[in-house]
N, C-alpha and C. Protein backbone atom coordinates (compact mmCIF):
# COMPACT_ATOMS: atom_id res chain seq x y z
N UNK A 1 -6.02 -4.84 -12.23
CA UNK A 1 -6.43 -4.64 -11.57
C UNK A 1 -5.14 -3.76 -10.51
N UNK A 2 -5.91 -2.47 -9.96
CA UNK A 2 -4.68 -1.99 -9.00
C UNK A 2 -4.82 -1.41 -7.51
N UNK A 3 -4.29 -1.79 -6.62
CA UNK A 3 -3.96 -1.56 -5.62
C UNK A 3 -3.04 -1.08 -4.65
N UNK A 4 -4.14 0.38 -3.64
CA UNK A 4 -2.49 1.20 -2.36
C UNK A 4 -2.27 0.34 -1.38
N UNK A 5 -0.55 0.73 -1.10
CA UNK A 5 -0.84 0.27 -0.12
C UNK A 5 -0.44 1.22 1.13
N UNK A 6 -1.08 1.45 1.98
CA UNK A 6 -0.49 2.81 2.91
C UNK A 6 0.45 2.44 3.81
N UNK A 7 1.58 2.91 4.41
CA UNK A 7 1.77 2.67 5.53
C UNK A 7 2.70 3.74 7.26
N UNK A 8 3.17 3.60 7.12
CA UNK A 8 3.12 3.84 8.36
C UNK A 8 4.55 5.39 8.17
N UNK A 9 5.35 4.30 7.91
CA UNK A 9 6.43 5.50 8.08
C UNK A 9 6.99 5.64 6.35
N UNK A 10 6.92 6.69 5.72
CA UNK A 10 7.84 6.51 4.18
C UNK A 10 8.84 5.89 3.95
N UNK A 11 10.21 5.56 5.62
CA UNK A 11 10.90 4.35 5.07
C UNK A 11 10.23 2.62 5.15
N UNK A 12 9.16 2.49 5.07
CA UNK A 12 8.28 1.84 4.97
C UNK A 12 8.16 1.09 3.75
N UNK A 13 7.52 1.97 3.16
CA UNK A 13 6.76 2.66 1.38
C UNK A 13 8.12 1.77 0.99
N UNK A 14 9.18 3.01 0.60
CA UNK A 14 10.27 2.75 -0.12
C UNK A 14 10.88 0.93 0.48
N UNK A 15 10.66 0.72 1.65
CA UNK A 15 11.65 -0.55 1.98
C UNK A 15 10.83 -1.27 0.76
N UNK A 16 9.73 -1.97 1.23
CA UNK A 16 8.15 -2.33 0.71
C UNK A 16 8.22 -1.92 -1.25
N UNK A 17 8.12 -1.34 -2.33
CA UNK A 17 8.48 -1.04 -2.83
C UNK A 17 9.68 -1.50 -3.58
N UNK A 18 10.66 -1.37 -2.75
CA UNK A 18 12.15 -1.94 -3.23
C UNK A 18 11.92 -3.32 -3.39
N UNK A 19 11.78 -5.32 -2.29
CA UNK A 19 11.15 -5.81 -2.68
C UNK A 19 10.68 -6.82 -2.81
N UNK A 20 9.30 -5.99 -3.56
CA UNK A 20 7.71 -5.72 -4.19
C UNK A 20 8.66 -6.22 -5.78
N UNK A 21 8.95 -4.91 -6.87
CA UNK A 21 10.26 -5.15 -7.42
C UNK A 21 10.93 -5.98 -7.73
N UNK A 22 11.57 -6.80 -6.46
CA UNK A 22 12.87 -7.24 -6.59
C UNK A 22 11.83 -8.81 -6.76
N UNK A 23 10.82 -8.53 -5.95
CA UNK A 23 10.30 -10.09 -5.98
C UNK A 23 9.45 -9.77 -7.64
N UNK A 24 9.91 -9.09 -8.59
CA UNK A 24 9.02 -9.08 -9.93
C UNK A 24 7.74 -8.62 -10.07
N UNK A 25 7.36 -7.46 -8.84
CA UNK A 25 6.38 -6.76 -9.83
C UNK A 25 6.47 -5.53 -9.76
N UNK A 26 5.46 -4.88 -10.45
CA UNK A 26 5.88 -3.59 -10.47
C UNK A 26 5.41 -2.56 -8.99
N UNK A 27 5.87 -1.51 -9.57
CA UNK A 27 5.40 -0.73 -8.03
C UNK A 27 6.01 0.68 -7.78
N UNK A 28 5.16 1.92 -7.77
CA UNK A 28 5.67 3.33 -7.77
C UNK A 28 4.65 3.95 -6.49
N UNK A 29 5.93 4.00 -6.50
CA UNK A 29 6.09 5.01 -5.15
C UNK A 29 5.09 6.16 -5.28
N UNK A 30 3.76 7.31 -5.17
CA UNK A 30 3.02 7.95 -4.81
C UNK A 30 2.53 8.83 -3.47
N UNK A 31 2.30 9.93 -3.76
CA UNK A 31 1.97 10.68 -2.83
C UNK A 31 0.66 9.79 -2.12
N UNK A 32 -0.71 9.88 -0.74
CA UNK A 32 -1.26 9.26 -0.89
C UNK A 32 -2.65 9.73 -0.68
N UNK A 33 -3.67 9.14 -1.76
CA UNK A 33 -5.20 9.89 -2.72
C UNK A 33 -4.85 11.05 -0.61
N UNK A 34 -6.06 11.13 -0.69
CA UNK A 34 -6.89 12.48 -0.09
C UNK A 34 -7.95 11.93 0.55
N UNK A 35 -8.53 11.24 0.02
CA UNK A 35 -10.35 9.83 1.02
C UNK A 35 -9.38 9.06 0.91
N UNK A 36 -7.90 8.49 1.14
CA UNK A 36 -7.36 7.53 1.95
C UNK A 36 -6.84 7.73 3.13
N UNK A 37 -6.47 8.04 4.65
CA UNK A 37 -5.79 8.08 5.64
C UNK A 37 -4.36 7.75 5.80
N UNK A 38 -3.38 8.58 5.83
CA UNK A 38 -1.72 7.49 5.88
C UNK A 38 -1.45 8.28 7.06
N UNK A 39 -0.55 7.68 7.82
CA UNK A 39 0.87 8.46 9.23
C UNK A 39 1.09 9.56 8.31
N UNK A 40 2.62 8.48 7.36
CA UNK A 40 3.29 9.03 6.70
C UNK A 40 3.06 10.37 5.08
N UNK A 41 2.42 9.49 4.54
CA UNK A 41 1.20 10.43 2.75
C UNK A 41 2.24 9.74 1.46
N UNK A 42 2.88 9.22 2.46
CA UNK A 42 3.29 7.79 0.38
C UNK A 42 3.29 7.10 0.52
N UNK A 43 2.86 6.44 -0.44
CA UNK A 43 1.70 4.88 -0.29
C UNK A 43 3.29 4.62 -2.41
N UNK A 44 2.26 3.24 -2.30
CA UNK A 44 2.79 2.18 -3.18
C UNK A 44 1.87 2.06 -3.87
N UNK A 45 1.30 1.80 -5.66
CA UNK A 45 1.15 1.16 -6.10
C UNK A 45 1.34 0.40 -6.60
N UNK A 46 0.61 -0.53 -6.99
CA UNK A 46 1.25 -2.32 -7.57
C UNK A 46 -0.30 -2.86 -7.91
N UNK A 47 -0.08 -3.42 -9.17
CA UNK A 47 -0.61 -5.01 -9.79
C UNK A 47 -0.75 -5.75 -8.75
N UNK A 48 -0.62 -6.21 -8.11
CA UNK A 48 -0.71 -6.64 -6.80
C UNK A 48 -0.60 -6.98 -5.33
N UNK A 49 -1.31 -7.05 -5.27
CA UNK A 49 -1.66 -7.52 -3.71
C UNK A 49 -0.91 -7.96 -2.71
N UNK A 50 -0.65 -7.20 -1.83
CA UNK A 50 0.74 -8.16 -0.85
C UNK A 50 -0.44 -9.10 -0.36
N UNK A 51 -1.76 -9.02 -0.41
CA UNK A 51 -2.24 -10.10 0.68
C UNK A 51 -1.59 -11.41 1.72
N UNK A 52 -0.93 -11.99 1.04
CA UNK A 52 0.27 -12.79 1.99
C UNK A 52 1.57 -12.62 3.33
N UNK A 53 1.98 -11.42 2.56
CA UNK A 53 2.58 -10.89 3.25
C UNK A 53 2.65 -9.52 3.65
N UNK A 54 1.70 -9.36 4.52
CA UNK A 54 1.46 -7.41 5.10
C UNK A 54 2.93 -7.99 6.18
N UNK A 55 3.39 -7.04 6.74
CA UNK A 55 4.31 -6.20 7.07
C UNK A 55 3.96 -4.94 8.88
N UNK A 56 4.07 -4.78 9.52
CA UNK A 56 3.91 -4.05 10.23
C UNK A 56 4.00 -3.62 10.60
N UNK A 57 4.90 -2.19 9.23
CA UNK A 57 4.35 -1.10 8.42
C UNK A 57 3.53 -0.54 8.24
N UNK A 58 3.35 -1.82 6.95
CA UNK A 58 1.90 -1.72 6.31
C UNK A 58 0.68 -0.78 7.50
N UNK A 59 -0.19 0.51 6.79
CA UNK A 59 -0.94 0.20 7.43
C UNK A 59 -2.38 -0.49 7.04
N UNK A 60 -2.20 -0.31 5.43
CA UNK A 60 -3.39 -0.98 4.96
C UNK A 60 -2.93 -1.18 3.04
N UNK A 61 -4.26 -1.51 2.76
CA UNK A 61 -4.10 -2.64 1.30
C UNK A 61 -5.59 -1.86 0.76
N UNK A 62 -5.88 -1.61 -0.68
CA UNK A 62 -6.43 -0.84 -0.80
C UNK A 62 -7.32 -1.18 -2.03
N UNK A 63 -8.27 -2.11 -2.63
CA UNK A 63 -8.24 -1.75 -4.03
C UNK A 63 -8.92 -0.84 -4.84
N UNK A 64 -8.00 -0.46 -5.96
CA UNK A 64 -8.98 1.25 -6.60
C UNK A 64 -10.13 -0.24 -7.38
N UNK A 65 -11.43 0.70 -6.98
CA UNK A 65 -12.80 0.75 -8.64
C UNK A 65 -13.35 1.22 -8.33
N UNK A 66 -14.54 1.37 -9.75
CA UNK A 66 -14.42 2.56 -10.02
C UNK A 66 -16.03 2.98 -8.97
N UNK A 67 -15.97 2.27 -8.01
CA UNK A 67 -17.05 3.32 -6.81
C UNK A 67 -16.13 4.12 -6.20
N UNK A 68 -15.04 3.35 -6.17
CA UNK A 68 -13.68 4.54 -5.19
C UNK A 68 -13.13 3.34 -4.30
N UNK A 69 -12.74 3.11 -3.46
CA UNK A 69 -11.46 1.90 -2.43
C UNK A 69 -12.26 0.96 -1.74
N UNK A 70 -11.60 -0.24 -2.25
CA UNK A 70 -12.40 -0.97 -1.96
C UNK A 70 -11.56 -1.81 -0.16
N UNK A 71 -11.27 -1.63 0.80
CA UNK A 71 -10.44 -1.98 1.27
C UNK A 71 -10.23 -3.90 1.89
N UNK A 72 -9.23 -4.65 1.54
CA UNK A 72 -8.64 -5.73 1.78
C UNK A 72 -8.18 -6.15 3.05
N UNK A 73 -7.30 -5.17 3.59
CA UNK A 73 -6.11 -5.33 4.72
C UNK A 73 -6.28 -4.22 6.18
N UNK A 74 -6.50 -3.87 7.36
CA UNK A 74 -6.33 -3.13 7.73
C UNK A 74 -5.55 -3.01 9.20
N UNK A 75 -4.56 -3.38 9.20
CA UNK A 75 -3.57 -3.19 10.53
C UNK A 75 -4.78 -2.57 11.49
N UNK A 76 -4.33 -3.97 12.88
CA UNK A 76 -5.24 -3.37 13.91
C UNK A 76 -4.27 -3.37 14.82
N UNK A 77 -4.24 -1.15 15.20
CA UNK A 77 -3.96 -0.92 16.13
C UNK A 77 -4.32 -0.17 17.84
N UNK A 78 -4.57 -1.28 17.63
CA UNK A 78 -5.70 -1.43 19.47
C UNK A 78 -5.04 -1.76 20.09
């Protein structure tokens, strides 16, 4: 399974990638797909979703499916 995590800042994406790899999970920095909105344009693709560790810097976590993207987490910015 593959997941995409979007962030409010480029710094948040880079920091998450480093921390996620340090925890033993492979992660790739990449541009955010056009179908997903993002404040910074950089996302992290990973095979393990960080559902238990959302941070203030995360905008959303989506699962990549054959039909498209399934949102698993979205920050509440109200």
